[in-house]
Every structure is written in structure tokens, then in C-alpha cells.
C-alpha atoms as a PDB file:
ATOM      1  CA  MET A   1      66.464  -1.841   8.177  1.00  0.00           C
ATOM      2  CA  LYS A   2      65.828   1.520   6.288  1.00  0.00           C
ATOM      3  CA  THR A   3      65.099  -0.202   3.328  1.00  0.00           C
ATOM      4  CA  ASN A   4      63.161  -2.601   4.624  1.00  0.00           C
ATOM      5  CA  ALA A   5      60.767  -0.046   6.180  1.00  0.00           C
ATOM      6  CA  SER A   6      60.883   2.130   2.921  1.00  0.00           C
ATOM      7  CA  PHE A   7      59.108  -1.320   1.183  1.00  0.00           C
ATOM      8  CA  LEU A   8      57.118  -1.566   3.613  1.00  0.00           C
ATOM      9  CA  PHE A   9      55.378   1.852   3.551  1.00  0.00           C
ATOM     10  CA  ALA A  10      55.405   1.338  -0.498  1.00  0.00           C
ATOM     11  CA  LEU A  11      53.461  -1.910   0.119  1.00  0.00           C
ATOM     12  CA  LEU A  12      50.741  -0.409   2.563  1.00  0.00           C
ATOM     13  CA  VAL A  13      50.039   2.670  -0.087  1.00  0.00           C
ATOM     14  CA  LEU A  14      49.813  -0.320  -2.623  1.00  0.00           C
ATOM     15  CA  LEU A  15      47.411  -2.582  -0.546  1.00  0.00           C
ATOM     16  CA  ALA A  16      45.617   0.632   0.552  1.00  0.00           C
ATOM     17  CA  ALA A  17      45.294   2.043  -3.016  1.00  0.00           C
ATOM     18  CA  VAL A  18      43.662  -1.514  -3.855  1.00  0.00           C
ATOM     19  CA  ALA A  19      40.984  -2.294  -0.881  1.00  0.00           C
ATOM     20  CA  ALA A  20      39.595   1.604  -1.481  1.00  0.00           C
ATOM     21  CA  PRO A  21      36.384   1.540  -3.672  1.00  0.00           C
ATOM     22  CA  THR A  22      36.518   2.855  -7.256  1.00  0.00           C
ATOM     23  CA  PRO A  23      34.394   5.860  -7.233  1.00  0.00           C
ATOM     24  CA  VAL A  24      31.465   5.568  -9.475  1.00  0.00           C
ATOM     25  CA  ARG A  25      31.129   8.988 -11.728  1.00  0.00           C
ATOM     26  CA  ALA A  26      31.585  11.706  -8.642  1.00  0.00           C
ATOM     27  CA  GLN A  27      32.750  14.785 -11.766  1.00  0.00           C
ATOM     28  CA  ALA A  28      30.167  15.461 -14.031  1.00  0.00           C
ATOM     29  CA  THR A  29      31.188  14.490 -17.260  1.00  0.00           C
ATOM     30  CA  LEU A  30      28.113  12.920 -18.465  1.00  0.00           C
ATOM     31  CA  SER A  31      27.227  14.110 -21.653  1.00  0.00           C
ATOM     32  CA  ALA A  32      23.978  13.376 -23.290  1.00  0.00           C
ATOM     33  CA  ALA A  33      25.539  11.048 -26.171  1.00  0.00           C
ATOM     34  CA  ASP A  34      27.110   8.880 -23.448  1.00  0.00           C
ATOM     35  CA  VAL A  35      23.705   8.557 -21.736  1.00  0.00           C
ATOM     36  CA  VAL A  36      22.015   7.678 -25.491  1.00  0.00           C
ATOM     37  CA  ALA A  37      24.845   5.017 -25.560  1.00  0.00           C
ATOM     38  CA  MET A  38      24.198   3.222 -22.394  1.00  0.00           C
ATOM     39  CA  PRO A  39      22.310  -0.064 -23.208  1.00  0.00           C
ATOM     40  CA  SER A  40      18.434  -0.426 -22.374  1.00  0.00           C
ATOM     41  CA  PRO A  41      16.973  -3.480 -20.289  1.00  0.00           C
ATOM     42  CA  ALA A  42      14.255  -4.837 -22.634  1.00  0.00           C
ATOM     43  CA  PRO A  43      10.752  -3.897 -20.468  1.00  0.00           C
ATOM     44  CA  ASP A  44       8.032  -6.138 -19.155  1.00  0.00           C
ATOM     45  CA  HIS A  45       5.616  -4.692 -21.459  1.00  0.00           C
ATOM     46  CA  VAL A  46       5.439  -2.430 -24.325  1.00  0.00           C
ATOM     47  CA  ILE A  47       1.505  -0.905 -24.778  1.00  0.00           C
ATOM     48  CA  SER A  48       0.078   1.725 -27.049  1.00  0.00           C
ATOM     49  CA  TYR A  49      -2.104   4.151 -25.434  1.00  0.00           C
ATOM     50  CA  GLY A  50      -2.599   5.695 -28.965  1.00  0.00           C
ATOM     51  CA  PRO A  51      -2.679   4.762 -32.488  1.00  0.00           C
ATOM     52  CA  GLY A  52       0.245   6.690 -33.159  1.00  0.00           C
ATOM     53  CA  GLU A  53       3.874   5.812 -33.501  1.00  0.00           C
ATOM     54  CA  PHE A  54       5.244   7.760 -30.563  1.00  0.00           C
ATOM     55  CA  GLN A  55       1.342   7.293 -28.420  1.00  0.00           C
ATOM     56  CA  PHE A  56       2.895   4.213 -26.442  1.00  0.00           C
ATOM     57  CA  GLY A  57       4.762   3.511 -22.934  1.00  0.00           C
ATOM     58  CA  ASN A  58       7.137   0.949 -21.277  1.00  0.00           C
ATOM     59  CA  LEU A  59       5.599  -1.002 -17.972  1.00  0.00           C
ATOM     60  CA  ARG A  60       8.257  -2.386 -15.550  1.00  0.00           C
ATOM     61  CA  LEU A  61       6.971  -4.319 -12.582  1.00  0.00           C
ATOM     62  CA  PRO A  62       8.330  -4.716  -9.625  1.00  0.00           C
ATOM     63  CA  PRO A  63       8.310  -8.488  -7.660  1.00  0.00           C
ATOM     64  CA  GLY A  64       5.532  -9.363  -6.141  1.00  0.00           C
ATOM     65  CA  ASP A  65       1.538  -9.656  -6.769  1.00  0.00           C
ATOM     66  CA  GLY A  66       1.016  -5.731  -5.841  1.00  0.00           C
ATOM     67  CA  PRO A  67      -0.780  -3.659  -5.519  1.00  0.00           C
ATOM     68  CA  HIS A  68       2.107  -2.113  -6.727  1.00  0.00           C
ATOM     69  CA  PRO A  69       2.923   1.870  -6.255  1.00  0.00           C
ATOM     70  CA  VAL A  70       3.264   3.655  -9.535  1.00  0.00           C
ATOM     71  CA  LEU A  71       5.586   6.440 -11.148  1.00  0.00           C
ATOM     72  CA  ALA A  72       4.351   7.334 -13.972  1.00  0.00           C
ATOM     73  CA  PHE A  73       7.677   8.634 -15.923  1.00  0.00           C
ATOM     74  CA  ILE A  74       8.358  11.108 -18.601  1.00  0.00           C
ATOM     75  CA  HIS A  75      11.872  11.337 -20.020  1.00  0.00           C
ATOM     76  CA  GLY A  76      13.356  13.961 -21.034  1.00  0.00           C
ATOM     77  CA  GLY A  77      15.901  15.506 -24.136  1.00  0.00           C
ATOM     78  CA  CYS A  78      14.528  18.979 -25.040  1.00  0.00           C
ATOM     79  CA  TRP A  79      11.514  17.766 -26.044  1.00  0.00           C
ATOM     80  CA  LEU A  80      12.843  17.285 -29.410  1.00  0.00           C
ATOM     81  CA  SER A  81      12.649  14.377 -31.924  1.00  0.00           C
ATOM     82  CA  MET A  82      16.217  13.045 -31.792  1.00  0.00           C
ATOM     83  CA  PHE A  83      15.692  12.198 -28.148  1.00  0.00           C
ATOM     84  CA  GLY A  84      13.538   9.286 -27.362  1.00  0.00           C
ATOM     85  CA  ILE A  85      12.479   7.060 -24.952  1.00  0.00           C
ATOM     86  CA  GLY A  86      15.424   4.223 -25.003  1.00  0.00           C
ATOM     87  CA  HIS A  87      17.763   6.270 -23.085  1.00  0.00           C
ATOM     88  CA  VAL A  88      15.966   6.044 -19.622  1.00  0.00           C
ATOM     89  CA  GLY A  89      15.458   2.129 -19.751  1.00  0.00           C
ATOM     90  CA  GLN A  90      17.965   1.403 -17.135  1.00  0.00           C
ATOM     91  CA  THR A  91      16.344   4.440 -14.993  1.00  0.00           C
ATOM     92  CA  GLU A  92      12.757   2.998 -15.093  1.00  0.00           C
ATOM     93  CA  GLN A  93      14.416  -0.504 -14.458  1.00  0.00           C
ATOM     94  CA  ALA A  94      16.372   0.830 -11.250  1.00  0.00           C
ATOM     95  CA  ILE A  95      13.296   1.836 -10.223  1.00  0.00           C
ATOM     96  CA  ALA A  96      11.248  -1.069 -10.418  1.00  0.00           C
ATOM     97  CA  ASP A  97      13.733  -3.262  -8.895  1.00  0.00           C
ATOM     98  CA  ALA A  98      13.586  -0.622  -6.009  1.00  0.00           C
ATOM     99  CA  GLY A  99       9.761  -1.734  -5.956  1.00  0.00           C
ATOM    100  CA  TYR A 100       7.564   0.773  -7.723  1.00  0.00           C
ATOM    101  CA  ALA A 101       5.721  -0.100 -10.970  1.00  0.00           C
ATOM    102  CA  VAL A 102       7.706   2.412 -14.135  1.00  0.00           C
ATOM    103  CA  TRP A 103       4.629   3.638 -16.867  1.00  0.00           C
ATOM    104  CA  SER A 104       7.353   5.586 -19.151  1.00  0.00           C
ATOM    105  CA  ILE A 105       5.220   7.419 -21.458  1.00  0.00           C
ATOM    106  CA  GLU A 106       6.605   8.237 -24.969  1.00  0.00           C
ATOM    107  CA  TYR A 107       5.392  10.945 -26.343  1.00  0.00           C
ATOM    108  CA  ARG A 108       5.174  12.756 -29.900  1.00  0.00           C
ATOM    109  CA  ARG A 109       8.104  15.827 -30.095  1.00  0.00           C
ATOM    110  CA  VAL A 110       9.299  18.727 -31.952  1.00  0.00           C
ATOM    111  CA  GLY A 111      10.340  17.403 -35.334  1.00  0.00           C
ATOM    112  CA  ASP A 112       7.792  14.466 -34.490  1.00  0.00           C
ATOM    113  CA  GLU A 113       4.410  14.939 -37.140  1.00  0.00           C
ATOM    114  CA  GLY A 114       1.801  16.299 -34.786  1.00  0.00           C
ATOM    115  CA  GLY A 115       4.812  17.305 -32.093  1.00  0.00           C
ATOM    116  CA  GLY A 116       4.734  20.752 -30.455  1.00  0.00           C
ATOM    117  CA  TRP A 117       1.674  22.284 -29.783  1.00  0.00           C
ATOM    118  CA  PRO A 118      -0.976  21.090 -28.667  1.00  0.00           C
ATOM    119  CA  GLY A 119       0.291  17.149 -29.222  1.00  0.00           C
ATOM    120  CA  THR A 120       3.326  16.741 -26.885  1.00  0.00           C
ATOM    121  CA  PHE A 121       1.021  17.640 -23.892  1.00  0.00           C
ATOM    122  CA  LEU A 122      -1.861  16.006 -24.675  1.00  0.00           C
ATOM    123  CA  ASP A 123      -0.136  12.826 -25.304  1.00  0.00           C
ATOM    124  CA  VAL A 124       1.283  12.719 -22.075  1.00  0.00           C
ATOM    125  CA  ALA A 125      -2.045  13.628 -20.415  1.00  0.00           C
ATOM    126  CA  ASN A 126      -3.076  10.821 -22.263  1.00  0.00           C
ATOM    127  CA  GLY A 127      -0.508   9.052 -21.554  1.00  0.00           C
ATOM    128  CA  ILE A 128      -1.138   9.179 -17.670  1.00  0.00           C
ATOM    129  CA  ASP A 129      -4.142   9.140 -18.066  1.00  0.00           C
ATOM    130  CA  HIS A 130      -4.022   5.061 -19.785  1.00  0.00           C
ATOM    131  CA  LEU A 131      -2.939   3.927 -16.401  1.00  0.00           C
ATOM    132  CA  ARG A 132      -6.887   3.742 -15.554  1.00  0.00           C
ATOM    133  CA  GLU A 133      -6.706   0.924 -18.455  1.00  0.00           C
ATOM    134  CA  LEU A 134      -3.534  -0.963 -16.739  1.00  0.00           C
ATOM    135  CA  ALA A 135      -4.752  -0.737 -13.039  1.00  0.00           C
ATOM    136  CA  GLU A 136      -6.825  -3.945 -13.316  1.00  0.00           C
ATOM    137  CA  PRO A 137      -4.366  -6.243 -15.192  1.00  0.00           C
ATOM    138  CA  TYR A 138      -1.189  -5.006 -14.212  1.00  0.00           C
ATOM    139  CA  ALA A 139      -1.861  -5.146 -10.347  1.00  0.00           C
ATOM    140  CA  LEU A 140      -1.656  -0.934 -10.196  1.00  0.00           C
ATOM    141  CA  ASP A 141      -2.712   1.433  -7.186  1.00  0.00           C
ATOM    142  CA  LEU A 142      -3.859   4.323  -8.370  1.00  0.00           C
ATOM    143  CA  SER A 143      -3.869   5.797  -5.402  1.00  0.00           C
ATOM    144  CA  ARG A 144      -0.417   5.680  -5.461  1.00  0.00           C
ATOM    145  CA  VAL A 145       0.863   7.209  -8.591  1.00  0.00           C
ATOM    146  CA  VAL A 146       3.446  10.068  -8.184  1.00  0.00           C
ATOM    147  CA  ALA A 147       4.298  11.558 -11.680  1.00  0.00           C
ATOM    148  CA  SER A 148       8.322  11.776 -12.138  1.00  0.00           C
ATOM    149  CA  GLY A 149      10.064  13.029 -15.582  1.00  0.00           C
ATOM    150  CA  HIS A 150      13.824  13.788 -16.268  1.00  0.00           C
ATOM    151  CA  SER A 151      14.332  17.807 -17.957  1.00  0.00           C
ATOM    152  CA  ALA A 152      11.921  18.176 -20.158  1.00  0.00           C
ATOM    153  CA  GLY A 153       9.907  15.502 -18.666  1.00  0.00           C
ATOM    154  CA  GLY A 154      10.257  16.952 -15.655  1.00  0.00           C
ATOM    155  CA  MET A 155       8.449  19.622 -16.362  1.00  0.00           C
ATOM    156  CA  LEU A 156       5.430  17.761 -18.100  1.00  0.00           C
ATOM    157  CA  ALA A 157       5.384  15.568 -14.369  1.00  0.00           C
ATOM    158  CA  LEU A 158       5.018  19.161 -12.902  1.00  0.00           C
ATOM    159  CA  TRP A 159       1.954  20.147 -15.502  1.00  0.00           C
ATOM    160  CA  ALA A 160       0.368  16.765 -15.468  1.00  0.00           C
ATOM    161  CA  ALA A 161      -0.119  17.248 -11.757  1.00  0.00           C
ATOM    162  CA  ALA A 162      -1.731  20.435 -12.328  1.00  0.00           C
ATOM    163  CA  ARG A 163      -4.060  19.587 -15.354  1.00  0.00           C
ATOM    164  CA  ASP A 164      -6.960  20.513 -13.123  1.00  0.00           C
ATOM    165  CA  GLN A 165      -5.903  23.818 -12.894  1.00  0.00           C
ATOM    166  CA  ILE A 166      -6.301  24.393 -16.819  1.00  0.00           C
ATOM    167  CA  ASP A 167      -8.597  26.679 -18.667  1.00  0.00           C
ATOM    168  CA  PRO A 168     -11.135  24.320 -20.433  1.00  0.00           C
ATOM    169  CA  ALA A 169     -11.224  26.469 -23.261  1.00  0.00           C
ATOM    170  CA  SER A 170      -7.918  25.409 -23.433  1.00  0.00           C
ATOM    171  CA  GLU A 171      -6.131  22.856 -26.373  1.00  0.00           C
ATOM    172  CA  ILE A 172      -4.793  20.696 -23.576  1.00  0.00           C
ATOM    173  CA  HIS A 173      -7.473  20.409 -21.348  1.00  0.00           C
ATOM    174  CA  THR A 174      -8.060  17.016 -20.673  1.00  0.00           C
ATOM    175  CA  PRO A 175     -11.398  16.266 -18.692  1.00  0.00           C
ATOM    176  CA  ASP A 176     -11.514  14.467 -15.267  1.00  0.00           C
ATOM    177  CA  PRO A 177      -7.032  13.466 -15.412  1.00  0.00           C
ATOM    178  CA  LEU A 178      -6.267  11.164 -13.491  1.00  0.00           C
ATOM    179  CA  PRO A 179      -5.195  12.485  -9.876  1.00  0.00           C
ATOM    180  CA  ILE A 180      -1.546  12.974  -9.085  1.00  0.00           C
ATOM    181  CA  HIS A 181      -0.435  12.499  -5.779  1.00  0.00           C
ATOM    182  CA  SER A 182       3.138  13.616  -5.848  1.00  0.00           C
ATOM    183  CA  VAL A 183       5.607  15.066  -7.972  1.00  0.00           C
ATOM    184  CA  PHE A 184       9.435  13.863  -7.923  1.00  0.00           C
ATOM    185  CA  ALA A 185      11.122  15.845 -11.155  1.00  0.00           C
ATOM    186  CA  LEU A 186      14.679  15.425 -12.077  1.00  0.00           C
ATOM    187  CA  ALA A 187      16.356  18.739 -13.166  1.00  0.00           C
ATOM    188  CA  PRO A 188      13.192  20.331 -14.124  1.00  0.00           C
ATOM    189  CA  ALA A 189      13.523  22.558 -17.147  1.00  0.00           C
ATOM    190  CA  ALA A 190       9.800  24.301 -15.508  1.00  0.00           C
ATOM    191  CA  ASP A 191      10.841  27.918 -16.269  1.00  0.00           C
ATOM    192  CA  MET A 192       9.384  27.707 -19.587  1.00  0.00           C
ATOM    193  CA  GLU A 193       9.643  31.271 -19.929  1.00  0.00           C
ATOM    194  CA  GLY A 194      12.461  31.822 -19.065  1.00  0.00           C
ATOM    195  CA  LEU A 195      14.017  29.134 -21.518  1.00  0.00           C
ATOM    196  CA  GLU A 196      12.310  30.798 -24.520  1.00  0.00           C
ATOM    197  CA  MET A 197      13.713  34.190 -23.705  1.00  0.00           C
ATOM    198  CA  SER A 198      17.334  32.274 -23.521  1.00  0.00           C
ATOM    199  CA  GLY A 199      16.571  30.392 -26.648  1.00  0.00           C
ATOM    200  CA  ALA A 200      17.987  27.169 -25.129  1.00  0.00           C
ATOM    201  CA  CYS A 201      18.776  24.076 -27.129  1.00  0.00           C
ATOM    202  CA  GLY A 202      18.007  26.282 -30.366  1.00  0.00           C
ATOM    203  CA  ASN A 203      15.270  28.006 -29.093  1.00  0.00           C
ATOM    204  CA  VAL A 204      12.958  24.766 -28.375  1.00  0.00           C
ATOM    205  CA  VAL A 205      10.686  26.221 -26.250  1.00  0.00           C
ATOM    206  CA  GLY A 206       9.221  28.955 -28.646  1.00  0.00           C
ATOM    207  CA  ARG A 207       9.055  25.672 -31.252  1.00  0.00           C
ATOM    208  CA  LEU A 208       7.439  23.266 -28.390  1.00  0.00           C
ATOM    209  CA  MET A 209       4.502  26.421 -27.947  1.00  0.00           C
ATOM    210  CA  GLY A 210       4.364  28.370 -31.254  1.00  0.00           C
ATOM    211  CA  GLY A 211       6.206  31.210 -29.930  1.00  0.00           C
ATOM    212  CA  SER A 212       7.138  33.706 -27.077  1.00  0.00           C
ATOM    213  CA  ALA A 213       4.809  33.882 -23.833  1.00  0.00           C
ATOM    214  CA  ALA A 214       4.376  37.823 -24.913  1.00  0.00           C
ATOM    215  CA  GLU A 215       2.666  36.220 -28.182  1.00  0.00           C
ATOM    216  CA  LEU A 216       0.876  33.298 -26.901  1.00  0.00           C
ATOM    217  CA  PRO A 217       0.048  34.412 -23.438  1.00  0.00           C
ATOM    218  CA  ASP A 218      -3.161  31.502 -23.094  1.00  0.00           C
ATOM    219  CA  ARG A 219      -0.691  28.505 -24.274  1.00  0.00           C
ATOM    220  CA  TYR A 220       1.799  29.935 -21.527  1.00  0.00           C
ATOM    221  CA  ALA A 221      -0.805  29.901 -19.090  1.00  0.00           C
ATOM    222  CA  ALA A 222      -1.970  26.535 -19.607  1.00  0.00           C
ATOM    223  CA  GLY A 223       1.530  24.749 -20.383  1.00  0.00           C
ATOM    224  CA  SER A 224       3.594  26.657 -18.191  1.00  0.00           C
ATOM    225  CA  PRO A 225       4.110  24.982 -14.594  1.00  0.00           C
ATOM    226  CA  MET A 226       5.480  28.539 -13.391  1.00  0.00           C
ATOM    227  CA  SER A 227       2.314  29.691 -14.697  1.00  0.00           C
ATOM    228  CA  LEU A 228       0.313  27.000 -13.504  1.00  0.00           C
ATOM    229  CA  ALA A 229       2.214  27.180  -9.610  1.00  0.00           C
ATOM    230  CA  PRO A 230       0.962  26.883  -7.073  1.00  0.00           C
ATOM    231  CA  VAL A 231       0.715  23.167  -7.544  1.00  0.00           C
ATOM    232  CA  ASP A 232      -1.200  21.760  -5.077  1.00  0.00           C
ATOM    233  CA  VAL A 233       0.491  18.083  -4.524  1.00  0.00           C
ATOM    234  CA  PRO A 234       3.855  17.614  -2.567  1.00  0.00           C
ATOM    235  CA  GLN A 235       6.915  18.287  -5.261  1.00  0.00           C
ATOM    236  CA  THR A 236      10.146  17.149  -4.623  1.00  0.00           C
ATOM    237  CA  LEU A 237      12.629  18.461  -7.381  1.00  0.00           C
ATOM    238  CA  LEU A 238      16.052  17.457  -7.426  1.00  0.00           C
ATOM    239  CA  VAL A 239      18.856  19.923  -8.736  1.00  0.00           C
ATOM    240  CA  GLY A 240      22.818  18.960  -9.923  1.00  0.00           C
ATOM    241  CA  GLY A 241      25.341  21.184  -8.009  1.00  0.00           C
ATOM    242  CA  ARG A 242      27.416  20.613 -11.397  1.00  0.00           C
ATOM    243  CA  ASP A 243      24.437  21.348 -14.091  1.00  0.00           C
ATOM    244  CA  ALA A 244      25.168  25.346 -14.657  1.00  0.00           C
ATOM    245  CA  ALA A 245      22.706  24.767 -18.199  1.00  0.00           C
ATOM    246  CA  TRP A 246      19.589  23.465 -16.849  1.00  0.00           C
ATOM    247  CA  ALA A 247      19.191  23.992 -12.532  1.00  0.00           C
ATOM    248  CA  PRO A 248      18.524  27.484 -12.997  1.00  0.00           C
ATOM    249  CA  ALA A 249      15.087  26.247 -14.358  1.00  0.00           C
ATOM    250  CA  GLY A 250      14.621  24.357 -11.594  1.00  0.00           C
ATOM    251  CA  ARG A 251      15.742  26.827  -9.091  1.00  0.00           C
ATOM    252  CA  THR A 252      13.380  29.362 -10.778  1.00  0.00           C
ATOM    253  CA  TYR A 253      10.412  27.456 -10.681  1.00  0.00           C
ATOM    254  CA  TYR A 254      10.910  26.602  -6.870  1.00  0.00           C
ATOM    255  CA  ASN A 255      11.753  29.955  -5.844  1.00  0.00           C
ATOM    256  CA  ARG A 256       7.863  31.245  -7.530  1.00  0.00           C
ATOM    257  CA  ALA A 257       6.492  28.332  -5.922  1.00  0.00           C
ATOM    258  CA  VAL A 258       7.077  28.694  -2.328  1.00  0.00           C
ATOM    259  CA  THR A 259       7.028  32.964  -3.211  1.00  0.00           C
ATOM    260  CA  LEU A 260       3.054  31.766  -3.941  1.00  0.00           C
ATOM    261  CA  GLY A 261       2.788  30.158  -0.779  1.00  0.00           C
ATOM    262  CA  THR A 262       3.701  26.152  -1.238  1.00  0.00           C
ATOM    263  CA  THR A 263       4.652  24.709   1.306  1.00  0.00           C
ATOM    264  CA  SER A 264       4.328  21.006   0.186  1.00  0.00           C
ATOM    265  CA  VAL A 265       7.626  21.750  -2.887  1.00  0.00           C
ATOM    266  CA  ARG A 266      11.069  21.018  -1.499  1.00  0.00           C
ATOM    267  CA  LEU A 267      14.392  21.219  -3.463  1.00  0.00           C
ATOM    268  CA  ILE A 268      17.227  18.652  -3.049  1.00  0.00           C
ATOM    269  CA  ASP A 269      20.878  19.568  -4.359  1.00  0.00           C
ATOM    270  CA  LEU A 270      22.892  16.998  -5.627  1.00  0.00           C
ATOM    271  CA  PRO A 271      26.375  18.104  -5.261  1.00  0.00           C
ATOM    272  CA  GLU A 272      28.278  15.333  -7.456  1.00  0.00           C
ATOM    273  CA  SER A 273      25.351  15.619 -10.530  1.00  0.00           C
ATOM    274  CA  GLY A 274      25.556  17.386 -13.825  1.00  0.00           C
ATOM    275  CA  HIS A 275      22.341  17.142 -15.992  1.00  0.00           C
ATOM    276  CA  PHE A 276      22.550  13.249 -16.743  1.00  0.00           C
ATOM    277  CA  GLU A 277      24.239  11.310 -13.370  1.00  0.00           C
ATOM    278  CA  MET A 278      20.656  12.012 -11.349  1.00  0.00           C
ATOM    279  CA  VAL A 279      19.220   9.128 -14.069  1.00  0.00           C
ATOM    280  CA  VAL A 280      22.067   6.952 -14.008  1.00  0.00           C
ATOM    281  CA  PRO A 281      22.062   4.243 -11.497  1.00  0.00           C
ATOM    282  CA  SER A 282      25.950   3.499 -11.784  1.00  0.00           C
ATOM    283  CA  THR A 283      26.793   7.109 -10.487  1.00  0.00           C
ATOM    284  CA  SER A 284      27.561   8.338  -7.259  1.00  0.00           C
ATOM    285  CA  SER A 285      24.361  10.087  -7.194  1.00  0.00           C
ATOM    286  CA  TRP A 286      22.153   7.413  -7.840  1.00  0.00           C
ATOM    287  CA  PRO A 287      21.520   6.491  -4.277  1.00  0.00           C
ATOM    288  CA  ALA A 288      20.146   9.903  -2.622  1.00  0.00           C
ATOM    289  CA  VAL A 289      17.816   9.672  -5.712  1.00  0.00           C
ATOM    290  CA  LEU A 290      16.738   6.919  -4.848  1.00  0.00           C
ATOM    291  CA  ALA A 291      16.303   7.546  -0.898  1.00  0.00           C
ATOM    292  CA  ALA A 292      14.361  10.867  -1.981  1.00  0.00           C
ATOM    293  CA  LEU A 293      11.907   8.450  -4.260  1.00  0.00           C
ATOM    294  CA  HIS A 294      11.631   6.119  -1.460  1.00  0.00           C
ATOM    295  CA  GLU A 295      10.738   9.275   1.186  1.00  0.00           C
ATOM    296  CA  THR A 296       8.391  10.345  -1.130  1.00  0.00           C
ATOM    297  CA  PHE A 297       6.295   7.415  -1.519  1.00  0.00           C
ATOM    298  CA  ASN A 298       7.064   6.733   2.448  1.00  0.00           C
ATOM    299  CA  ALA A 299       5.698  10.081   2.767  1.00  0.00           C
ATOM    300  CA  LEU A 300       2.262   9.396   0.251  1.00  0.00           C
ATOM    301  CA  ASP A 301       1.559   5.796   2.447  1.00  0.00           C
ATOM    302  CA  GLY A 302       1.785   8.153   5.923  1.00  0.00           C
ATOM    303  CA  ALA A 303      -0.354  10.496   5.138  1.00  0.00           C
ATOM    304  CA  ARG A 304      -3.723   7.159   3.889  1.00  0.00           C
END
């Protein structure tokens, strides 16, 4: 009997192990190389918004006839040319599958001809404004446009929502910007001034802007979310609990926005996410990302 009881106990332990769901990326182990190597499903449409090699976007449409709410998405990668739009293909598709049209913008980055100041900013501005040309043929609802992005793209999403505050004398001012109704920023690298001082990504902010905030205050006044705050649209910022390198930039922007009286900004901590888990649909952090995205669009519907 004693032997049979031991055997039964071992069998129960084995069955419990087999029946238990396999955890998906509960630890923050994803690197940039991991994400870049992941397969990227082809978009429904690749559409140019300008004549340049990097002036195009991926359009992915959800099921149904529309009109579709729109997520204008901007990929990250330290604003550097080595990181292109391909690594967020699975992110774009998962969001489209969840019921939103996704217009994901490629743009000139540091290292590309014409990238940096002012080209990077102008590309993002022109890419978002190109939604006006896409609305009718693809049944897009421009009364429900959320600007979104990851890391450097999250910073650009916040910037895009504040374009109407830019001094008309600035090189990155564009007339009549498309209205943004909310921002959904994933690990936003929004503290441009702090990142420049720390020399992040090989002093990429200094290279993007052409110098420091002390040297070029007018550029940072027009291009940095820290300087443009408060941004007068609802904002959701998601930061990774395991993202020691980039979460502080998002938290710093959040604190500044709240200090300046912004009441429509919220910070969501994803405890199992590093910098990249939040843009990979197979991770344990993704359901929380998707839930927050649904809340963002539902809030727009409730305000109509």
C-alpha cells in the first residue's frame, strides 16, 4: 500500500504539471534582436504618403464594412535607421484583429538621408495627415483617431497630438494637423531632455535634434513632449515593470503632465513587461495592453 500511495502521489504531480497552462514570457527576456527576428505578417496595403523610400505606411483593416476607428501607430527603435517598421508587423495585425484599422507609419530616422531634424518629425506629421486621403476609400472613421507608438514611437505619438501647439515659425510646424482624439503610448521615450543628457542609444537624441536643449531650445520647445505638455487630449501611458532603461522616461513625462494640471492622463504599469514584451502578442503582458486599448477607444465612444 505504501508503494502504491507513493506512485499515486507522483502520478498526480505529473498530471498537474501536464494540465497546467504553459506560461508565456512571464519574465522580461525579450531583446531587440528577438523582436526583429519575429515573423511579420504582410499588411493589407502598403501606401506611400510621400515620394521618399521611407515615406509609406502599412494599412491593416479589421473585419467588417466600417467605418473603422483608427490607430495611427509609430514604431520605435531609438529613432535609428537600423530599426524599421518590419518588427511591429505582428503588433499591427493583432490590433487589427481586435477591431481597429491600423495605419502604421514608416519614417526617416537618424542614419537615413533626410532623417533627424526636421525630416523625422515632418514625416510623422505628413504620414498622420495622409489619413485624410485614406478615409473614404478604406472606410476610416476620422472622428476616432488614436495616436500610438512604442518607445521612440510613443514619444512621437505624444508629439503628434500636440502639433497644434507648435510655434508657426518652427521648421516642424505644419498647418491644419489632423485632430488626434487620444494617445496610447507604449514605453514612451518622452523625456527627450533627460535622454539627451544621459546619452541614451549613443546620444541619439542629440543626433536627432542636432544638439542639446541648452544649445537648441527652440527645437526642443517644438519637438519634445516635455516642453509641449500639457497635451490637451486623453493619454494612456504603459510602462514595463521590468524596463529599467526606458520606463523612467515615461514616468518622468507622466509626472510633468500631472504637475501641469493634466487630468486626462493615466499611467499603467505592466509588472511582467520589459521594454519589448508589451508589443509582442504572445506575451503575458499583451492581454493587459489590449484591454487598455479597448478602454481607450471605448472612452472616445462614450464622449461622443
